[in-house]
Amino acid sequence: MPRAVDLLVREMESIGVKEVFGIIGGQIMPFFDALYNSNIKVYMFRHEQGAIHAADAYGRVTKRPMTVVVTSGPGATNLLTGLANAMMDSSPLIAITGQVPTAFFGRDAFQETDIVGATMPVTKHTFMVRKPEDLVPVYKAAHEIAIDGRPGPVVIDLPRDVQLMEVDPAVIKARTIRITRKIAPEPDPSLIAYALKLLLNAERPVMLIGGGVCWSGATNEVLTLAELLGMPIVTTLLGKNCVPNNHPLVMGPSGMHGRLEADAAIINADVILAVGTRFSDRTVGNFNEFRRGRKIIHVDIDKSEIGKNVKPEVGIAGDAKTVLSTMIKLVPKALERRHEAFIRWLRGIKENYEEYRSKVDINGFAPWKVLKVLREVMPPHSIIATGVGSHQMWCELHWDVYVPGTFITSAGLGTMGFGLPAALGAKIARPDVPVLDIDGDGSFQMTMQNLALIREYNLPVIVTIFDNSTLMLVRHWQVMLYNKRIIAVDFNVNPDFMKIAEAYGIEGVRPSNYEELRSAVARAVRNNEALIVDITIDRERDFVLPFVPSGKWLEEVIFPEGFRVDLRYPGDGYGG
């Protein structure tokens, strides 16, 4: 009879699994042995954190869970950060962790760790497989759970002896794992009608969208409803990925490192339609001020999110696409376009700020100008992954997403080291699409050993490093909020990234001007080649501004030097 892991691999092949990510080790060797004669390709990462971040990105791009396979003990615990990241950003994936044989449970065996207990707070579901006949049904259940309702990570802890046990396939066919399906709740039509009434009667309605819009596939519905009502669209950091940023109604992300026109839209709104967002503190700033004087309509597939951070006037539990589609059908046919003056005023803030930026003349590379060059060179459908730090916030402000679903970043957890493995996962998911990692030197060094996969598996990813020899975003806070008490952020020794590139057999370039940057990246895109670009950024000068300090209201923004604008709408009355 076949081993349990042999039947698992057959099941994975039957449902279309073509790749797995991971690192082998003693307690997971039987599973890898079962892969030997399969058609499933193994991508061997150099650190488990890299494997799970890559799986996270793969799931965001394909809307299907990637399976990450690691050994027990440190192999499994190295997944914790990535599991938490996937959970907070609602990314589907399955992690199979090897475990010591069941006879050794509770005896402090070599590399024994309570992975079920450790991962339960940061996963959608966890399984411990104790019977060989349960393995295939558990995997099928995990696959459903990962993508059912609000997506998320699932862990399967798999003892070594269970992997090796023989099992009758007929017994497996008779086995089922009972799971509680997270089917999207049916939205209440009366609440949808009431929400639309509030929007129709609003003086300055605003739509705030989050990452749930992407998972719902509700981009067209968001744009259609906004166009019908003449309503500006503001996004969260993840929501930035869900609408074309060059649409005339899209004001961009709001919050701590948001765009001024987006913050102004929220400040002056009297009704906010929030779709697929959990109201992060980084987006709204001060919860009390956000609620004050505004009617909030909250639409989310996860009922537990409604009222958690912000108590809404109307809470609608349901799929975003379904709710918005119903709302669109109820919009009066002869509705006149309104709010045009408000939208023109918001666009004016953007135009004034862009004009100010264009006149700032500095020596060396400016982060926003680097992003402008990269955006011009990279095709519109390119996938962009970022690390975490000031470069990420510059992307939030100045990177334009033209095709929804092409901007991948760690938003909820803010995980340094996310960028490179996320780019690799995206490239494996979409090998014919150009992929760019926009990273910082601090974030990049967390997982840069995974550069090895670029050459080993022919994954031509372009990596741009904002190199300022510091943890710039933390340094920014120390200057702004801690009276310039700089400590534990500057790198006195940074590697030569050109030699790192050479060590991994990847072309490297350190451009001295924007034209050299443009030429190098354009060549890599044209030839479908890997490239590492080291861009020197001034750590004493290039703070991410505008900036709203943590816990402050959006009006309490710190402007760039030499620029100021009134964020209160000069029309009659104010929201808030």
Protein backbone atom coordinates (compact mmCIF):
# COMPACT_ATOMS: atom_id res chain seq x y z
CA MET A 1 0.00 0.00 0.00
CA PRO A 2 1.15 3.59 -0.58
CA ARG A 3 2.42 5.86 2.18
CA ALA A 4 0.25 8.72 3.39
CA VAL A 5 2.63 11.25 1.81
CA ASP A 6 2.48 9.46 -1.55
CA LEU A 7 -1.30 9.85 -1.58
CA LEU A 8 -0.95 13.49 -0.52
CA VAL A 9 1.33 14.24 -3.46
CA ARG A 10 -1.12 12.51 -5.83
CA GLU A 11 -3.92 14.67 -4.45
CA MET A 12 -1.86 17.83 -4.86
CA GLU A 13 -1.18 16.95 -8.50
CA SER A 14 -4.86 16.23 -9.12
CA ILE A 15 -5.92 19.71 -7.94
CA GLY A 16 -3.31 21.43 -10.07
CA VAL A 17 -0.41 22.06 -7.70
CA LYS A 18 2.69 22.52 -9.87
CA GLU A 19 5.18 24.00 -7.40
CA VAL A 20 5.99 24.00 -3.72
CA PHE A 21 8.33 26.29 -1.80
CA GLY A 22 10.43 25.32 1.17
CA ILE A 23 13.54 23.84 2.77
CA ILE A 24 14.07 20.17 3.56
CA GLY A 25 14.96 18.81 7.00
CA GLY A 26 14.89 15.59 8.99
CA GLN A 27 11.24 15.46 10.04
CA ILE A 28 9.84 16.39 6.62
CA MET A 29 12.07 14.12 4.52
CA PRO A 30 9.33 11.56 3.78
CA PHE A 31 7.21 14.22 2.09
CA PHE A 32 10.10 15.39 -0.08
CA ASP A 33 10.86 11.76 -0.91
CA ALA A 34 7.27 11.42 -2.15
CA LEU A 35 7.85 14.41 -4.45
CA TYR A 36 10.78 12.63 -6.13
CA ASN A 37 8.72 10.94 -8.87
CA SER A 38 6.06 13.65 -9.11
CA ASN A 39 5.60 16.51 -11.56
CA ILE A 40 5.68 19.06 -8.73
CA LYS A 41 8.68 21.37 -8.87
CA VAL A 42 10.46 22.25 -5.61
CA TYR A 43 11.79 25.80 -5.19
CA MET A 44 14.41 25.50 -2.46
CA PHE A 45 14.77 28.82 -0.67
CA ARG A 46 17.73 29.80 1.48
CA HIS A 47 15.65 30.72 4.51
CA GLU A 48 12.13 29.70 5.51
CA GLN A 49 11.10 33.35 5.89
CA GLY A 50 11.91 33.85 2.22
CA ALA A 51 9.83 30.82 1.24
CA ILE A 52 6.72 31.95 3.07
CA HIS A 53 6.91 35.57 1.89
CA ALA A 54 7.23 34.24 -1.66
CA ALA A 55 4.17 32.06 -1.06
CA ASP A 56 2.29 35.08 0.27
CA ALA A 57 2.98 37.02 -2.94
CA TYR A 58 2.19 33.99 -5.11
CA GLY A 59 -1.24 33.80 -3.45
CA ARG A 60 -1.91 37.52 -3.98
CA VAL A 61 -1.04 37.25 -7.67
CA THR A 62 -2.85 34.00 -8.49
CA LYS A 63 -5.64 34.03 -5.85
CA ARG A 64 -4.61 30.42 -5.09
CA PRO A 65 -2.72 29.13 -2.05
CA MET A 66 0.92 28.14 -2.49
CA THR A 67 2.14 25.28 -0.31
CA VAL A 68 5.24 25.90 1.82
CA VAL A 69 6.95 22.81 3.25
CA VAL A 70 9.53 22.95 6.05
CA THR A 71 10.89 20.76 8.82
CA SER A 72 10.14 20.84 12.55
CA GLY A 73 11.60 23.10 15.23
CA PRO A 74 13.49 26.07 13.77
CA GLY A 75 12.25 25.32 10.26
CA ALA A 76 8.68 25.74 11.45
CA THR A 77 9.29 28.64 13.83
CA ASN A 78 11.03 30.54 11.02
CA LEU A 79 7.60 30.69 9.33
CA LEU A 80 5.93 32.63 12.14
CA THR A 81 6.68 36.12 10.80
CA GLY A 82 5.45 35.17 7.33
CA LEU A 83 2.28 33.57 8.71
CA ALA A 84 1.49 36.72 10.70
CA ASN A 85 2.17 38.83 7.61
CA ALA A 86 -0.16 36.70 5.46
CA MET A 87 -2.85 36.76 8.14
CA MET A 88 -2.83 40.54 8.49
CA ASP A 89 -2.85 41.12 4.73
CA SER A 90 -5.37 38.30 4.04
CA SER A 91 -3.12 36.20 1.79
CA PRO A 92 -3.97 32.52 1.15
CA LEU A 93 -1.25 29.90 1.68
CA ILE A 94 -0.75 26.44 3.19
CA ALA A 95 2.23 25.66 5.42
CA ILE A 96 3.10 22.03 6.01
CA THR A 97 5.49 21.67 8.94
CA GLY A 98 7.30 18.45 9.75
CA GLN A 99 6.96 17.25 13.32
CA VAL A 100 8.69 14.68 15.51
CA PRO A 101 7.09 11.20 15.62
CA THR A 102 3.96 10.96 17.77
CA ALA A 103 5.72 8.60 20.21
CA PHE A 104 8.09 11.45 21.11
CA PHE A 105 5.38 14.06 21.79
CA GLY A 106 5.94 15.92 25.05
CA ARG A 107 9.42 14.50 25.62
CA ASP A 108 11.42 17.53 24.44
CA ALA A 109 12.69 15.53 21.49
CA PHE A 110 15.27 17.09 19.16
CA GLN A 111 13.57 19.97 17.30
CA GLU A 112 10.18 19.33 18.91
CA THR A 113 8.12 22.52 19.10
CA ASP A 114 4.40 23.12 19.69
CA ILE A 115 3.76 24.57 16.26
CA VAL A 116 -0.02 24.31 16.54
CA GLY A 117 0.06 26.41 19.70
CA ALA A 118 2.64 28.83 18.36
CA THR A 119 0.85 29.49 15.05
CA MET A 120 -2.78 29.46 16.15
CA PRO A 121 -2.92 33.25 16.86
CA VAL A 122 -1.51 34.14 13.42
CA THR A 123 -3.35 31.71 11.14
CA LYS A 124 -6.84 31.20 9.84
CA HIS A 125 -6.77 27.54 10.91
CA THR A 126 -4.31 24.91 12.16
CA PHE A 127 -4.34 21.11 11.86
CA MET A 128 -2.36 18.42 13.65
CA VAL A 129 -2.52 15.18 11.63
CA ARG A 130 -2.32 12.09 13.86
CA LYS A 131 -3.84 9.48 11.53
CA PRO A 132 -2.49 8.73 8.04
CA GLU A 133 -6.00 8.45 6.57
CA ASP A 134 -6.65 12.09 7.61
CA LEU A 135 -3.75 13.63 5.69
CA VAL A 136 -5.36 13.97 2.27
CA PRO A 137 -8.74 15.14 3.62
CA VAL A 138 -6.94 17.68 5.84
CA TYR A 139 -5.00 19.08 2.89
CA LYS A 140 -8.21 19.40 0.83
CA ALA A 141 -9.86 21.19 3.75
CA ALA A 142 -6.85 23.48 4.18
CA HIS A 143 -7.02 24.41 0.49
CA GLU A 144 -10.67 25.42 0.87
CA ILE A 145 -10.18 27.28 4.13
CA ALA A 146 -7.27 29.34 2.77
CA ILE A 147 -9.41 30.90 0.02
CA ASP A 148 -12.88 30.70 1.58
CA GLY A 149 -14.39 34.07 2.53
CA ARG A 150 -11.58 36.31 3.74
CA PRO A 151 -8.36 34.53 2.63
CA GLY A 152 -5.58 33.59 5.02
CA PRO A 153 -2.83 31.11 5.94
CA VAL A 154 -3.45 27.54 7.14
CA VAL A 155 -0.93 25.30 8.95
CA ILE A 156 -0.74 21.49 8.78
CA ASP A 157 1.59 20.02 11.40
CA LEU A 158 2.67 16.57 10.19
CA PRO A 159 4.51 14.05 12.39
CA ARG A 160 7.20 12.03 10.66
CA ASP A 161 5.72 8.63 11.54
CA VAL A 162 2.31 9.62 10.13
CA GLN A 163 3.96 10.58 6.85
CA LEU A 164 5.48 7.11 6.54
CA MET A 165 2.42 5.07 7.51
CA GLU A 166 0.78 3.05 4.74
CA VAL A 167 -2.88 3.66 4.11
CA ASP A 168 -5.59 2.14 1.91
CA PRO A 169 -6.80 4.74 -0.68
CA ALA A 170 -10.33 3.38 -0.26
CA VAL A 171 -10.25 4.39 3.41
CA ILE A 172 -9.28 7.94 2.46
CA LYS A 173 -12.21 8.25 0.07
CA ALA A 174 -14.55 7.54 2.96
CA ARG A 175 -12.94 10.19 5.18
CA THR A 176 -14.12 13.80 5.38
CA ILE A 177 -12.93 16.68 7.54
CA ARG A 178 -15.74 18.80 8.88
CA ILE A 179 -15.01 22.47 8.49
CA THR A 180 -17.08 25.55 9.15
CA ARG A 181 -17.34 27.30 5.82
CA LYS A 182 -16.79 31.05 5.86
CA ILE A 183 -19.34 31.65 3.14
CA ALA A 184 -19.83 35.33 2.40
CA PRO A 185 -22.90 36.52 4.31
CA GLU A 186 -25.89 37.58 2.25
CA PRO A 187 -26.03 41.38 2.55
CA ASP A 188 -29.18 42.99 3.88
CA PRO A 189 -30.94 44.83 0.99
CA SER A 190 -32.52 47.33 3.36
CA LEU A 191 -29.11 48.33 4.73
CA ILE A 192 -27.75 48.76 1.19
CA ALA A 193 -30.70 51.00 0.31
CA TYR A 194 -30.19 53.06 3.47
CA ALA A 195 -26.47 53.40 2.79
CA LEU A 196 -27.18 54.65 -0.73
CA LYS A 197 -29.66 57.17 0.66
CA LEU A 198 -26.95 58.56 2.93
CA LEU A 199 -24.58 58.86 -0.02
CA LEU A 200 -27.17 60.55 -2.22
CA ASN A 201 -27.93 63.12 0.49
CA ALA A 202 -24.28 63.76 1.34
CA GLU A 203 -22.57 67.07 0.62
CA ARG A 204 -19.11 65.54 0.29
CA PRO A 205 -19.24 61.72 0.12
CA VAL A 206 -15.95 59.82 -0.08
CA MET A 207 -15.24 56.16 -0.79
CA LEU A 208 -12.41 54.56 1.24
CA ILE A 209 -11.30 51.22 -0.20
CA GLY A 210 -9.03 48.54 1.21
CA GLY A 211 -7.46 45.28 0.09
CA GLY A 212 -10.80 43.47 0.26
CA VAL A 213 -11.75 45.14 -3.02
CA CYS A 214 -8.98 43.16 -4.76
CA TRP A 215 -10.04 39.82 -3.28
CA SER A 216 -13.65 40.48 -4.20
CA GLY A 217 -12.75 41.51 -7.75
CA ALA A 218 -14.81 44.67 -7.21
CA THR A 219 -12.60 47.20 -9.01
CA ASN A 220 -15.14 47.94 -11.75
CA GLU A 221 -17.95 48.28 -9.23
CA VAL A 222 -15.92 50.75 -7.17
CA LEU A 223 -15.20 52.89 -10.21
CA THR A 224 -18.77 52.69 -11.54
CA LEU A 225 -20.38 53.74 -8.27
CA ALA A 226 -17.87 56.55 -7.76
CA GLU A 227 -18.51 57.83 -11.28
CA LEU A 228 -22.29 57.67 -10.85
CA LEU A 229 -22.19 59.63 -7.59
CA GLY A 230 -19.26 61.91 -8.49
CA MET A 231 -17.48 60.62 -5.40
CA PRO A 232 -13.70 60.76 -4.81
CA ILE A 233 -11.93 57.48 -4.02
CA VAL A 234 -9.36 57.26 -1.22
CA THR A 235 -7.39 54.09 -0.54
CA THR A 236 -5.49 52.31 2.20
CA LEU A 237 -1.98 51.09 1.42
CA LEU A 238 -3.38 47.72 0.28
CA GLY A 239 -6.32 49.43 -1.39
CA LYS A 240 -3.85 51.32 -3.59
CA ASN A 241 -3.43 48.01 -5.39
CA CYS A 242 -7.15 47.72 -6.20
CA VAL A 243 -7.87 50.67 -8.52
CA PRO A 244 -5.98 52.35 -11.38
CA ASN A 245 -4.20 55.24 -9.67
CA ASN A 246 -4.48 57.45 -12.76
CA HIS A 247 -8.29 57.42 -12.69
CA PRO A 248 -9.50 61.03 -12.22
CA LEU A 249 -11.51 60.18 -9.08
CA VAL A 250 -8.70 58.29 -7.33
CA MET A 251 -6.99 60.54 -4.78
CA GLY A 252 -4.57 57.87 -3.54
CA PRO A 253 -3.80 56.55 -0.05
CA SER A 254 -4.58 58.49 3.10
CA GLY A 255 -3.02 58.43 6.53
CA MET A 256 0.39 58.69 8.15
CA HIS A 257 2.28 58.71 4.84
CA GLY A 258 -0.71 59.40 2.62
CA ARG A 259 -1.25 61.92 -0.12
CA LEU A 260 -2.48 65.37 0.88
CA GLU A 261 -5.50 65.29 -1.46
CA ALA A 262 -6.54 61.94 0.03
CA ASP A 263 -6.23 63.22 3.59
CA ALA A 264 -8.16 66.36 2.61
CA ALA A 265 -10.96 64.20 1.18
CA ILE A 266 -11.31 62.31 4.49
CA ILE A 267 -11.04 65.48 6.60
CA ASN A 268 -13.89 67.18 4.74
CA ALA A 269 -16.14 64.16 4.13
CA ASP A 270 -19.58 64.06 5.73
CA VAL A 271 -20.30 60.46 4.60
CA ILE A 272 -17.62 57.80 4.08
CA LEU A 273 -18.31 54.53 2.29
CA ALA A 274 -15.57 52.17 3.51
CA VAL A 275 -15.21 48.96 1.50
CA GLY A 276 -12.98 46.00 2.40
CA THR A 277 -10.88 47.84 4.99
CA ARG A 278 -10.29 47.33 8.72
CA PHE A 279 -9.69 51.04 9.47
CA SER A 280 -6.00 50.78 10.32
CA ASP A 281 -4.58 53.45 12.59
CA ARG A 282 -2.04 54.15 9.84
CA THR A 283 -4.91 55.10 7.51
CA VAL A 284 -7.26 57.13 9.72
CA GLY A 285 -4.81 58.52 12.30
CA ASN A 286 -7.06 59.34 15.25
CA PHE A 287 -10.17 57.16 15.58
CA ASN A 288 -12.16 59.69 17.63
CA GLU A 289 -11.57 62.50 15.13
CA PHE A 290 -12.29 60.16 12.21
CA ARG A 291 -15.75 59.37 13.63
CA ARG A 292 -16.57 62.94 14.64
CA GLY A 293 -19.24 64.57 12.45
CA ARG A 294 -19.20 61.81 9.83
CA LYS A 295 -21.59 59.04 8.93
CA ILE A 296 -19.60 55.86 8.26
CA ILE A 297 -20.84 53.04 6.03
CA HIS A 298 -18.72 49.91 6.43
CA VAL A 299 -18.85 47.02 3.94
CA ASP A 300 -16.74 43.95 4.72
CA ILE A 301 -16.92 40.21 4.09
CA ASP A 302 -15.59 39.62 7.61
CA LYS A 303 -18.42 40.42 10.01
CA SER A 304 -15.99 40.65 12.94
CA GLU A 305 -14.34 43.73 11.38
CA ILE A 306 -17.55 45.76 11.43
CA GLY A 307 -17.53 47.93 14.53
CA LYS A 308 -14.14 46.64 15.72
CA ASN A 309 -12.19 49.87 15.23
CA VAL A 310 -14.88 52.30 14.08
CA LYS A 311 -18.57 52.09 14.93
CA PRO A 312 -20.44 52.70 11.65
CA GLU A 313 -23.79 54.32 10.98
CA VAL A 314 -24.42 51.38 8.65
CA GLY A 315 -22.56 48.06 8.80
CA ILE A 316 -23.04 45.70 5.86
CA ALA A 317 -21.56 42.23 6.12
CA GLY A 318 -21.12 40.85 2.62
CA ASP A 319 -18.96 40.49 -0.45
CA ALA A 320 -17.89 43.90 -1.76
CA LYS A 321 -18.70 43.11 -5.37
CA THR A 322 -22.22 41.93 -4.45
CA VAL A 323 -22.96 44.92 -2.21
CA LEU A 324 -21.68 47.52 -4.67
CA SER A 325 -23.44 45.86 -7.62
CA THR A 326 -26.73 46.03 -5.73
CA MET A 327 -26.10 49.65 -4.81
CA ILE A 328 -25.33 50.57 -8.42
CA LYS A 329 -28.68 49.12 -9.56
CA LEU A 330 -30.49 51.36 -7.06
CA VAL A 331 -28.87 54.61 -8.20
CA PRO A 332 -31.51 56.85 -9.82
CA LYS A 333 -31.16 56.92 -13.61
CA ALA A 334 -31.46 60.70 -13.93
CA LEU A 335 -29.02 61.53 -11.15
CA GLU A 336 -27.17 64.79 -11.78
CA ARG A 337 -23.41 64.85 -11.36
CA ARG A 338 -22.53 66.62 -8.15
CA HIS A 339 -19.53 67.35 -5.96
CA GLU A 340 -17.50 68.55 -8.96
CA ALA A 341 -16.28 71.65 -7.13
CA PHE A 342 -15.05 69.50 -4.23
CA ILE A 343 -13.23 67.15 -6.59
CA ARG A 344 -11.64 70.06 -8.49
CA TRP A 345 -10.41 71.45 -5.18
CA LEU A 346 -8.87 68.10 -4.23
CA ARG A 347 -7.16 67.84 -7.62
CA GLY A 348 -5.85 71.35 -7.11
CA ILE A 349 -4.06 70.23 -3.95
CA LYS A 350 -2.40 67.45 -5.96
CA GLU A 351 -1.41 69.83 -8.76
CA ASN A 352 0.06 72.37 -6.33
CA TYR A 353 2.07 69.68 -4.57
CA GLU A 354 3.35 68.21 -7.85
CA GLU A 355 4.37 71.68 -9.00
CA TYR A 356 6.23 72.23 -5.74
CA ARG A 357 8.02 68.88 -6.12
CA SER A 358 9.04 69.64 -9.70
CA LYS A 359 10.80 72.81 -8.57
CA VAL A 360 12.80 71.17 -5.78
CA ASP A 361 16.33 70.97 -7.13
CA ILE A 362 18.68 68.74 -5.18
CA ASN A 363 21.99 67.08 -5.85
CA GLY A 364 21.99 63.32 -6.20
CA PHE A 365 19.00 61.03 -6.35
CA ALA A 366 15.63 62.06 -4.94
CA PRO A 367 13.41 59.07 -4.05
CA TRP A 368 10.31 60.42 -5.79
CA LYS A 369 12.27 61.11 -8.99
CA VAL A 370 13.76 57.60 -8.92
CA LEU A 371 10.24 56.18 -8.71
CA LYS A 372 9.11 58.39 -11.58
CA VAL A 373 11.91 57.05 -13.79
CA LEU A 374 11.19 53.45 -12.81
CA ARG A 375 7.47 53.90 -13.46
CA GLU A 376 8.19 55.29 -16.92
CA VAL A 377 10.51 52.38 -17.76
CA MET A 378 8.52 49.48 -16.34
CA PRO A 379 5.57 48.32 -18.51
CA PRO A 380 2.12 49.21 -17.10
CA HIS A 381 1.33 45.57 -16.26
CA SER A 382 4.61 44.99 -14.36
CA ILE A 383 4.36 43.56 -10.86
CA ILE A 384 6.02 45.63 -8.15
CA ALA A 385 6.99 44.29 -4.73
CA THR A 386 8.41 46.43 -1.96
CA GLY A 387 10.32 45.90 1.22
CA VAL A 388 9.40 47.88 4.34
CA GLY A 389 10.79 51.26 5.28
CA SER A 390 11.03 54.74 3.80
CA HIS A 391 11.24 53.36 0.26
CA GLN A 392 7.85 51.70 0.84
CA MET A 393 6.32 54.97 1.99
CA TRP A 394 7.78 56.79 -1.02
CA CYS A 395 6.04 54.13 -3.13
CA GLU A 396 2.80 54.74 -1.27
CA LEU A 397 3.07 58.41 -2.17
CA HIS A 398 4.56 58.33 -5.67
CA TRP A 399 4.23 54.93 -7.35
CA ASP A 400 1.25 54.78 -9.72
CA VAL A 401 -0.54 51.44 -10.02
CA TYR A 402 -2.01 51.28 -13.53
CA VAL A 403 -3.20 47.65 -13.48
CA PRO A 404 -4.92 46.54 -10.26
CA GLY A 405 -3.28 43.57 -8.57
CA THR A 406 0.28 44.51 -9.51
CA PHE A 407 1.45 46.23 -6.28
CA ILE A 408 2.56 43.83 -3.52
CA THR A 409 3.64 45.14 -0.14
CA SER A 410 3.58 44.22 3.55
CA ALA A 411 0.95 46.55 4.98
CA GLY A 412 -0.51 45.19 8.22
CA LEU A 413 2.63 43.72 9.79
CA GLY A 414 5.22 45.92 8.06
CA THR A 415 7.74 43.12 7.61
CA MET A 416 11.28 44.08 6.65
CA GLY A 417 12.73 41.54 4.23
CA PHE A 418 9.41 41.03 2.44
CA GLY A 419 10.38 42.63 -0.88
CA LEU A 420 12.86 40.24 -2.53
CA PRO A 421 11.10 36.95 -1.73
CA ALA A 422 7.76 38.52 -2.63
CA ALA A 423 9.20 39.48 -6.02
CA LEU A 424 10.45 35.92 -6.50
CA GLY A 425 7.04 34.49 -5.63
CA ALA A 426 5.36 36.88 -8.05
CA LYS A 427 7.81 35.95 -10.82
CA ILE A 428 7.16 32.23 -10.30
CA ALA A 429 3.43 32.94 -10.44
CA ARG A 430 3.69 35.12 -13.57
CA PRO A 431 6.95 34.23 -15.38
CA ASP A 432 6.05 36.28 -18.47
CA VAL A 433 5.46 39.51 -16.54
CA PRO A 434 8.32 41.90 -15.59
CA VAL A 435 8.81 42.00 -11.81
CA LEU A 436 10.54 44.78 -9.87
CA ASP A 437 11.53 44.79 -6.20
CA ILE A 438 11.81 48.29 -4.75
CA ASP A 439 13.80 47.82 -1.55
CA GLY A 440 15.85 49.56 1.09
CA ASP A 441 19.32 48.47 2.12
CA GLY A 442 18.12 47.53 5.61
CA SER A 443 15.09 45.58 4.42
CA PHE A 444 16.98 43.92 1.59
CA GLN A 445 19.69 42.54 3.87
CA MET A 446 17.09 40.65 5.91
CA THR A 447 16.48 38.09 3.13
CA MET A 448 19.04 38.83 0.41
CA GLN A 449 20.41 35.25 0.57
CA ASN A 450 17.41 34.29 -1.56
CA LEU A 451 19.09 36.01 -4.52
CA ALA A 452 20.42 32.51 -5.19
CA LEU A 453 17.04 31.54 -6.64
CA ILE A 454 17.35 34.13 -9.41
CA ARG A 455 20.15 32.17 -11.08
CA GLU A 456 19.21 28.68 -9.91
CA TYR A 457 15.67 28.84 -11.29
CA ASN A 458 16.10 31.55 -13.94
CA LEU A 459 13.92 34.17 -12.30
CA PRO A 460 14.92 37.49 -13.91
CA VAL A 461 13.80 39.90 -11.21
CA ILE A 462 14.98 43.52 -11.12
CA VAL A 463 16.02 44.73 -7.64
CA THR A 464 16.44 48.44 -6.89
CA ILE A 465 17.99 49.28 -3.52
CA PHE A 466 17.48 52.68 -1.92
CA ASP A 467 20.88 52.72 -0.25
CA ASN A 468 21.18 55.26 2.57
CA SER A 469 23.11 53.16 5.14
CA THR A 470 20.38 53.56 7.75
CA LEU A 471 16.97 52.41 8.85
CA MET A 472 15.58 55.57 7.32
CA LEU A 473 11.98 55.51 8.48
CA VAL A 474 12.98 54.98 12.12
CA ARG A 475 15.67 57.67 11.72
CA HIS A 476 12.96 59.98 10.38
CA TRP A 477 10.91 59.41 13.56
CA GLN A 478 13.95 60.02 15.76
CA VAL A 479 14.55 63.36 14.07
CA MET A 480 10.88 64.43 14.07
CA LEU A 481 9.64 62.98 17.36
CA TYR A 482 12.71 62.28 19.53
CA ASN A 483 14.56 65.60 19.28
CA LYS A 484 17.16 64.25 16.80
CA ARG A 485 18.42 61.62 19.25
CA ILE A 486 19.83 59.27 16.61
CA ILE A 487 20.62 55.81 17.96
CA ALA A 488 20.85 52.24 16.60
CA VAL A 489 19.74 53.06 13.06
CA ASP A 490 22.86 53.93 11.04
CA PHE A 491 24.91 51.21 9.35
CA ASN A 492 28.62 51.89 9.78
CA VAL A 493 29.34 48.87 7.61
CA ASN A 494 27.18 48.05 4.60
CA PRO A 495 28.14 45.39 2.03
CA ASP A 496 29.15 46.38 -1.46
CA PHE A 497 25.94 45.44 -3.23
CA MET A 498 27.76 45.26 -6.57
CA LYS A 499 29.98 42.52 -5.15
CA ILE A 500 26.89 40.81 -3.73
CA ALA A 501 25.41 40.87 -7.23
CA GLU A 502 28.62 39.45 -8.68
CA ALA A 503 28.71 36.71 -6.04
CA TYR A 504 25.29 35.50 -7.18
CA GLY A 505 26.08 35.87 -10.88
CA ILE A 506 23.71 38.83 -11.36
CA GLU A 507 24.49 42.04 -13.22
CA GLY A 508 24.82 45.03 -10.93
CA VAL A 509 24.87 48.74 -11.62
CA ARG A 510 25.40 51.81 -9.44
CA PRO A 511 24.07 54.66 -11.60
CA SER A 512 25.42 58.18 -11.21
CA ASN A 513 22.44 59.93 -12.79
CA TYR A 514 18.81 59.34 -13.80
CA GLU A 515 19.67 58.56 -17.43
CA GLU A 516 22.02 55.76 -16.40
CA LEU A 517 19.26 54.41 -14.15
CA ARG A 518 16.72 54.58 -16.96
CA SER A 519 19.05 52.91 -19.46
CA ALA A 520 20.05 50.04 -17.16
CA VAL A 521 16.51 49.14 -16.11
CA ALA A 522 15.14 49.50 -19.64
CA ARG A 523 17.81 47.11 -20.91
CA ALA A 524 17.00 44.55 -18.23
CA VAL A 525 13.29 44.73 -19.08
CA ARG A 526 13.97 44.51 -22.82
CA ASN A 527 16.30 41.52 -22.47
CA ASN A 528 14.32 39.85 -19.66
CA GLU A 529 17.41 39.81 -17.45
CA ALA A 530 18.01 40.04 -13.72
CA LEU A 531 19.54 43.26 -12.41
CA ILE A 532 20.53 44.76 -9.07
CA VAL A 533 20.55 48.56 -8.95
CA ASP A 534 22.26 50.32 -6.03
CA ILE A 535 20.91 53.87 -5.71
CA THR A 536 22.62 56.20 -3.23
CA ILE A 537 20.08 58.15 -1.15
CA ASP A 538 20.96 60.96 1.28
CA ARG A 539 19.94 59.90 4.79
CA GLU A 540 20.27 63.44 6.15
CA ARG A 541 17.86 64.94 3.67
CA ASP A 542 15.25 62.62 2.18
CA PHE A 543 12.63 62.28 4.90
CA VAL A 544 9.23 60.95 3.82
CA LEU A 545 6.98 64.00 3.86
CA PRO A 546 4.14 64.85 4.25
CA PHE A 547 3.86 62.94 7.53
CA VAL A 548 1.10 62.58 10.14
CA PRO A 549 2.59 61.53 13.51
CA SER A 550 1.17 58.36 15.04
CA GLY A 551 -2.17 58.88 16.79
CA LYS A 552 -2.63 62.39 15.43
CA TRP A 553 -5.53 63.53 13.29
CA LEU A 554 -4.91 63.92 9.55
CA GLU A 555 -4.95 67.72 9.80
CA GLU A 556 -1.91 67.61 12.09
CA VAL A 557 0.33 66.88 9.13
CA ILE A 558 3.98 67.88 8.88
CA PHE A 559 4.51 69.44 5.44
CA PRO A 560 7.71 69.42 3.40
CA GLU A 561 9.84 72.52 3.88
CA GLY A 562 8.59 75.36 1.71
CA PHE A 563 5.14 73.92 1.09
CA ARG A 564 1.86 74.40 2.87
CA VAL A 565 -1.78 74.08 1.91
CA ASP A 566 -5.09 74.46 3.74
CA LEU A 567 -6.71 71.03 4.00
CA ARG A 568 -10.11 72.46 4.94
CA TYR A 569 -12.52 72.83 2.05
CA PRO A 570 -13.44 76.50 1.58
CA GLY A 571 -17.07 75.64 0.68
CA ASP A 572 -19.98 75.87 3.13
CA GLY A 573 -19.53 73.70 6.23
CA TYR A 574 -16.98 71.09 7.09
CA GLY A 575 -17.02 67.40 7.83
CA GLY A 576 -15.58 66.78 11.26
